[in-house]
Amino acid sequence: MLGEALAFDLTSFIFASTVLGYCAYSDWKTREVSDRLWIFSLPIAWLLTGLRVKLGFLGLFQVLFSIGLTVAFAFLLAFLGFWGGGDFKAFWFLASACPVWPEFIKPILPVKLTPFPISVLFMTLILSVAMVPHNWIRNLFYKLKCGKIFSENVPFRLRFAAVSLGYIAERKSLKNNPKIFPLETVVDGKRRFKFFVGVPEETEIDVEKLPESLFVTPLLPFLSFTFPALILSTLIGDILTALILKILGTPF
């Protein structure tokens, strides 16, 4: 019986990893994931999880709680504009396919209190923040090469935001390039920063009206971080709970 439970556990994980791996590749290459993928994969995820509940390998309340919490949180982030519909569907799928922590492997951390999909979401956020030091390094090399980054008197808070969220690029690199988005615009002949959270609303940009060199931000799809976050969460464990317990000084 234990062998069958682990077999279902491993099958669900491999299926989820395959789908999210393809999502990461597709979103990275084309910046979109076809809805046909979810039409195909979601019913299979429900079937696998339903069988695990039917056979007594998973508790129904445990599954419904994990799916419900993940879908609610993912929908809230999509509603607030922090990510797009594809990201919401991806975590809906993950919660459906792997609502609980995998049992076929023992993670490094011994705690498993956070629902598995929420822990993967937290790990995804951590990986996405890694773009900040990447931008710092690119701007540092530009500074060493060109000697000047900001052409006007810019307040420190705007300088810090610019070098953290983006890097200097040539205007021509924006043409037909969905992977980067300008952080600067021109208003009344003056350069102005235009920061945003989540998915930018403006899609049509008059590139010719922008400065020759300007700050741009890489529009890295959130899904590109979700696949490695899934693998890392499985290997490391519940890092969110571990951090909270560490802050509270509670041993685990």
Protein backbone atom coordinates (compact mmCIF):
# COMPACT_ATOMS: atom_id res chain seq x y z
CA MET A 1 0.00 0.00 0.00
CA LEU A 2 2.84 2.36 0.87
CA GLY A 3 4.50 1.54 -2.44
CA GLU A 4 1.34 2.45 -4.35
CA ALA A 5 1.02 5.73 -2.44
CA LEU A 6 4.61 6.68 -3.26
CA ALA A 7 4.09 5.67 -6.89
CA PHE A 8 1.09 8.02 -7.18
CA ASP A 9 3.05 10.69 -5.33
CA LEU A 10 5.99 10.44 -7.71
CA THR A 11 3.72 10.27 -10.78
CA SER A 12 1.92 13.46 -9.78
CA PHE A 13 5.21 15.24 -9.16
CA ILE A 14 6.71 14.17 -12.49
CA PHE A 15 3.55 15.24 -14.31
CA ALA A 16 3.51 18.64 -12.57
CA SER A 17 7.23 19.16 -13.22
CA THR A 18 6.83 18.31 -16.90
CA VAL A 19 3.93 20.71 -17.39
CA LEU A 20 5.55 23.57 -15.47
CA GLY A 21 8.88 22.95 -17.19
CA TYR A 22 7.18 23.31 -20.56
CA CYS A 23 5.38 26.43 -19.28
CA ALA A 24 8.67 28.00 -18.23
CA TYR A 25 10.19 27.30 -21.65
CA SER A 26 7.14 28.53 -23.58
CA ASP A 27 6.76 31.67 -21.49
CA TRP A 28 10.47 32.44 -21.82
CA LYS A 29 10.46 32.05 -25.62
CA THR A 30 7.10 33.54 -26.58
CA ARG A 31 5.87 35.32 -23.41
CA GLU A 32 2.64 33.34 -23.52
CA VAL A 33 1.28 29.90 -22.65
CA SER A 34 -1.59 28.44 -24.63
CA ASP A 35 -4.83 27.80 -22.73
CA ARG A 36 -4.94 24.42 -24.44
CA LEU A 37 -2.19 23.29 -22.09
CA TRP A 38 -4.40 23.90 -19.06
CA ILE A 39 -7.43 22.34 -20.76
CA PHE A 40 -5.33 19.21 -21.18
CA SER A 41 -3.39 19.16 -17.91
CA LEU A 42 -5.91 20.31 -15.30
CA PRO A 43 -8.33 17.35 -15.75
CA ILE A 44 -5.39 14.93 -15.51
CA ALA A 45 -4.25 16.64 -12.30
CA TRP A 46 -7.76 16.39 -10.86
CA LEU A 47 -7.94 12.73 -11.85
CA LEU A 48 -4.61 11.86 -10.21
CA THR A 49 -5.43 13.73 -7.01
CA GLY A 50 -8.96 12.34 -6.95
CA LEU A 51 -7.61 8.80 -7.19
CA ARG A 52 -5.20 9.46 -4.34
CA VAL A 53 -8.08 10.69 -2.17
CA LYS A 54 -10.31 7.77 -3.22
CA LEU A 55 -7.61 5.24 -2.36
CA GLY A 56 -6.99 6.86 1.02
CA PHE A 57 -3.54 8.22 0.22
CA LEU A 58 -4.63 11.83 0.78
CA GLY A 59 -7.18 13.45 3.07
CA LEU A 60 -10.02 15.27 1.33
CA PHE A 61 -9.97 18.26 3.71
CA GLN A 62 -6.18 18.56 3.33
CA VAL A 63 -6.49 18.64 -0.45
CA LEU A 64 -9.40 21.10 -0.55
CA PHE A 65 -7.68 23.42 1.93
CA SER A 66 -4.46 23.50 -0.08
CA ILE A 67 -6.21 24.04 -3.42
CA GLY A 68 -8.61 26.63 -2.01
CA LEU A 69 -5.91 28.66 -0.28
CA THR A 70 -3.59 28.58 -3.30
CA VAL A 71 -6.31 29.51 -5.81
CA ALA A 72 -7.56 32.34 -3.57
CA PHE A 73 -4.06 33.76 -3.10
CA ALA A 74 -3.18 33.37 -6.78
CA PHE A 75 -6.43 35.04 -7.84
CA LEU A 76 -5.76 37.94 -5.45
CA LEU A 77 -2.32 38.52 -6.96
CA ALA A 78 -3.79 38.41 -10.47
CA PHE A 79 -6.63 40.76 -9.48
CA LEU A 80 -4.16 43.26 -8.01
CA GLY A 81 -2.09 43.13 -11.20
CA PHE A 82 1.04 41.55 -9.76
CA TRP A 83 0.94 38.82 -12.40
CA GLY A 84 -1.09 37.61 -15.36
CA GLY A 85 -3.71 34.97 -15.95
CA GLY A 86 -1.13 32.39 -17.00
CA ASP A 87 0.56 32.56 -13.60
CA PHE A 88 -2.79 32.12 -11.86
CA LYS A 89 -3.60 29.06 -13.96
CA ALA A 90 -0.15 27.59 -13.34
CA PHE A 91 -0.56 27.67 -9.56
CA TRP A 92 -4.13 26.43 -9.85
CA PHE A 93 -2.71 23.49 -11.76
CA LEU A 94 0.15 22.95 -9.29
CA ALA A 95 -2.26 22.95 -6.35
CA SER A 96 -4.45 20.44 -8.18
CA ALA A 97 -1.59 18.11 -9.12
CA CYS A 98 0.53 18.42 -5.94
CA PRO A 99 -1.66 19.77 -3.13
CA VAL A 100 0.56 18.26 -0.42
CA TRP A 101 4.28 17.87 0.15
CA PRO A 102 5.90 15.06 -1.87
CA GLU A 103 6.68 11.98 0.22
CA PHE A 104 9.03 10.19 -2.19
CA ILE A 105 11.95 12.38 -1.04
CA LYS A 106 13.04 13.76 2.33
CA PRO A 107 13.80 17.49 2.15
CA ILE A 108 16.63 19.22 3.98
CA LEU A 109 14.33 21.15 6.33
CA PRO A 110 12.22 18.99 8.68
CA VAL A 111 9.15 21.27 8.74
CA LYS A 112 6.17 21.00 6.38
CA LEU A 113 3.50 23.35 7.74
CA THR A 114 2.94 25.63 4.73
CA PRO A 115 0.83 24.07 1.95
CA PHE A 116 3.22 22.85 -0.72
CA PRO A 117 1.98 25.12 -3.57
CA ILE A 118 2.22 28.20 -1.29
CA SER A 119 5.79 27.23 -0.40
CA VAL A 120 6.61 26.95 -4.11
CA LEU A 121 5.09 30.41 -4.64
CA PHE A 122 7.29 31.83 -1.87
CA MET A 123 10.37 30.21 -3.39
CA THR A 124 9.40 31.68 -6.78
CA LEU A 125 9.33 35.15 -5.23
CA ILE A 126 12.79 34.58 -3.73
CA LEU A 127 14.20 33.55 -7.11
CA SER A 128 12.61 36.51 -8.88
CA VAL A 129 14.25 38.92 -6.39
CA ALA A 130 17.60 37.52 -7.55
CA MET A 131 17.22 39.78 -10.59
CA VAL A 132 18.09 42.78 -8.39
CA PRO A 133 21.79 41.93 -7.90
CA HIS A 134 21.88 40.96 -11.58
CA ASN A 135 20.78 44.50 -12.47
CA TRP A 136 23.30 46.00 -10.03
CA ILE A 137 26.13 44.12 -11.72
CA ARG A 138 25.04 45.19 -15.21
CA ASN A 139 24.82 48.82 -14.12
CA LEU A 140 28.19 48.62 -12.41
CA PHE A 141 29.84 47.41 -15.61
CA TYR A 142 28.09 50.18 -17.55
CA LYS A 143 29.34 52.72 -14.99
CA LEU A 144 32.91 51.44 -15.28
CA LYS A 145 32.72 51.49 -19.06
CA CYS A 146 30.91 54.77 -19.69
CA GLY A 147 31.52 56.65 -16.46
CA LYS A 148 28.00 58.05 -16.19
CA ILE A 149 24.59 56.50 -15.66
CA PHE A 150 22.25 59.38 -14.78
CA SER A 151 22.23 62.38 -17.06
CA GLU A 152 20.28 64.68 -14.74
CA ASN A 153 20.00 65.43 -11.03
CA VAL A 154 17.98 62.44 -9.89
CA PRO A 155 16.97 61.89 -6.25
CA PHE A 156 18.66 58.98 -4.50
CA ARG A 157 15.40 57.00 -4.11
CA LEU A 158 14.84 57.10 -7.87
CA ARG A 159 18.45 56.18 -8.59
CA PHE A 160 18.25 53.20 -6.26
CA ALA A 161 14.94 52.07 -7.77
CA ALA A 162 16.29 52.42 -11.31
CA VAL A 163 19.51 50.45 -10.79
CA SER A 164 17.63 47.77 -8.82
CA LEU A 165 14.70 47.27 -11.18
CA GLY A 166 16.47 47.81 -14.48
CA TYR A 167 19.65 48.52 -16.40
CA ILE A 168 20.87 50.84 -19.15
CA ALA A 169 20.19 49.71 -22.72
CA GLU A 170 20.13 51.23 -26.19
CA ARG A 171 16.80 52.46 -27.52
CA LYS A 172 17.04 50.22 -30.57
CA SER A 173 17.05 47.13 -28.35
CA LEU A 174 13.39 47.82 -27.50
CA LYS A 175 12.18 47.36 -31.07
CA ASN A 176 10.13 44.16 -31.43
CA ASN A 177 11.56 42.90 -28.15
CA PRO A 178 8.88 41.74 -25.67
CA LYS A 179 11.55 40.74 -23.13
CA ILE A 180 12.33 44.27 -21.94
CA PHE A 181 10.23 47.33 -21.15
CA PRO A 182 11.30 50.99 -20.74
CA LEU A 183 11.48 52.47 -17.26
CA GLU A 184 11.85 55.96 -18.69
CA THR A 185 9.68 58.19 -20.81
CA VAL A 186 9.89 61.77 -22.09
CA VAL A 187 7.42 64.36 -20.80
CA ASP A 188 7.65 67.97 -22.06
CA GLY A 189 11.16 67.31 -23.30
CA LYS A 190 12.36 65.95 -19.94
CA ARG A 191 13.20 62.38 -19.01
CA ARG A 192 10.94 60.87 -16.37
CA PHE A 193 11.03 57.48 -14.68
CA LYS A 194 7.92 55.37 -14.96
CA PHE A 195 7.98 52.50 -12.48
CA PHE A 196 5.25 49.89 -12.27
CA VAL A 197 4.32 46.80 -10.30
CA GLY A 198 3.41 43.55 -11.99
CA VAL A 199 2.47 43.47 -15.67
CA PRO A 200 2.84 46.83 -17.51
CA GLU A 201 -0.41 48.15 -18.93
CA GLU A 202 1.13 49.92 -21.91
CA THR A 203 1.96 47.61 -24.81
CA GLU A 204 2.38 50.02 -27.75
CA ILE A 205 5.51 52.13 -27.32
CA ASP A 206 6.77 54.86 -29.65
CA VAL A 207 10.42 53.87 -29.41
CA GLU A 208 11.63 56.79 -31.51
CA LYS A 209 10.46 59.27 -28.85
CA LEU A 210 12.60 57.65 -26.16
CA PRO A 211 16.20 58.65 -25.28
CA GLU A 212 19.03 56.94 -27.14
CA SER A 213 20.12 55.19 -23.94
CA LEU A 214 17.67 54.57 -21.13
CA PHE A 215 16.78 52.32 -18.24
CA VAL A 216 14.81 49.21 -19.17
CA THR A 217 13.51 46.40 -17.03
CA PRO A 218 13.61 42.73 -18.04
CA LEU A 219 10.07 41.41 -18.28
CA LEU A 220 11.03 37.98 -17.03
CA PRO A 221 7.92 35.83 -16.84
CA PHE A 222 7.05 34.67 -13.35
CA LEU A 223 6.56 31.17 -14.71
CA SER A 224 10.22 30.95 -15.65
CA PHE A 225 11.01 30.95 -11.92
CA THR A 226 8.18 28.60 -10.93
CA PHE A 227 9.75 25.45 -12.36
CA PRO A 228 13.11 25.80 -10.54
CA ALA A 229 11.15 26.89 -7.43
CA LEU A 230 9.22 23.63 -7.59
CA ILE A 231 12.43 21.60 -7.69
CA LEU A 232 14.14 23.64 -4.97
CA SER A 233 11.11 23.54 -2.66
CA THR A 234 10.98 19.77 -3.00
CA LEU A 235 14.68 19.43 -2.15
CA ILE A 236 14.94 22.12 0.55
CA GLY A 237 11.52 21.97 2.20
CA ASP A 238 9.25 24.53 3.85
CA ILE A 239 11.55 27.54 3.86
CA LEU A 240 8.70 29.97 4.68
CA THR A 241 7.81 28.23 7.95
CA ALA A 242 11.49 27.73 8.76
CA LEU A 243 12.13 31.47 8.38
CA ILE A 244 9.14 32.37 10.55
CA LEU A 245 10.21 29.93 13.27
CA LYS A 246 13.77 31.26 13.05
CA ILE A 247 12.57 34.85 13.53
CA LEU A 248 10.43 33.78 16.49
CA GLY A 249 13.34 31.88 17.97
CA THR A 250 11.37 28.62 17.93
CA PRO A 251 13.37 25.45 17.32
CA PHE A 252 12.26 23.04 14.60
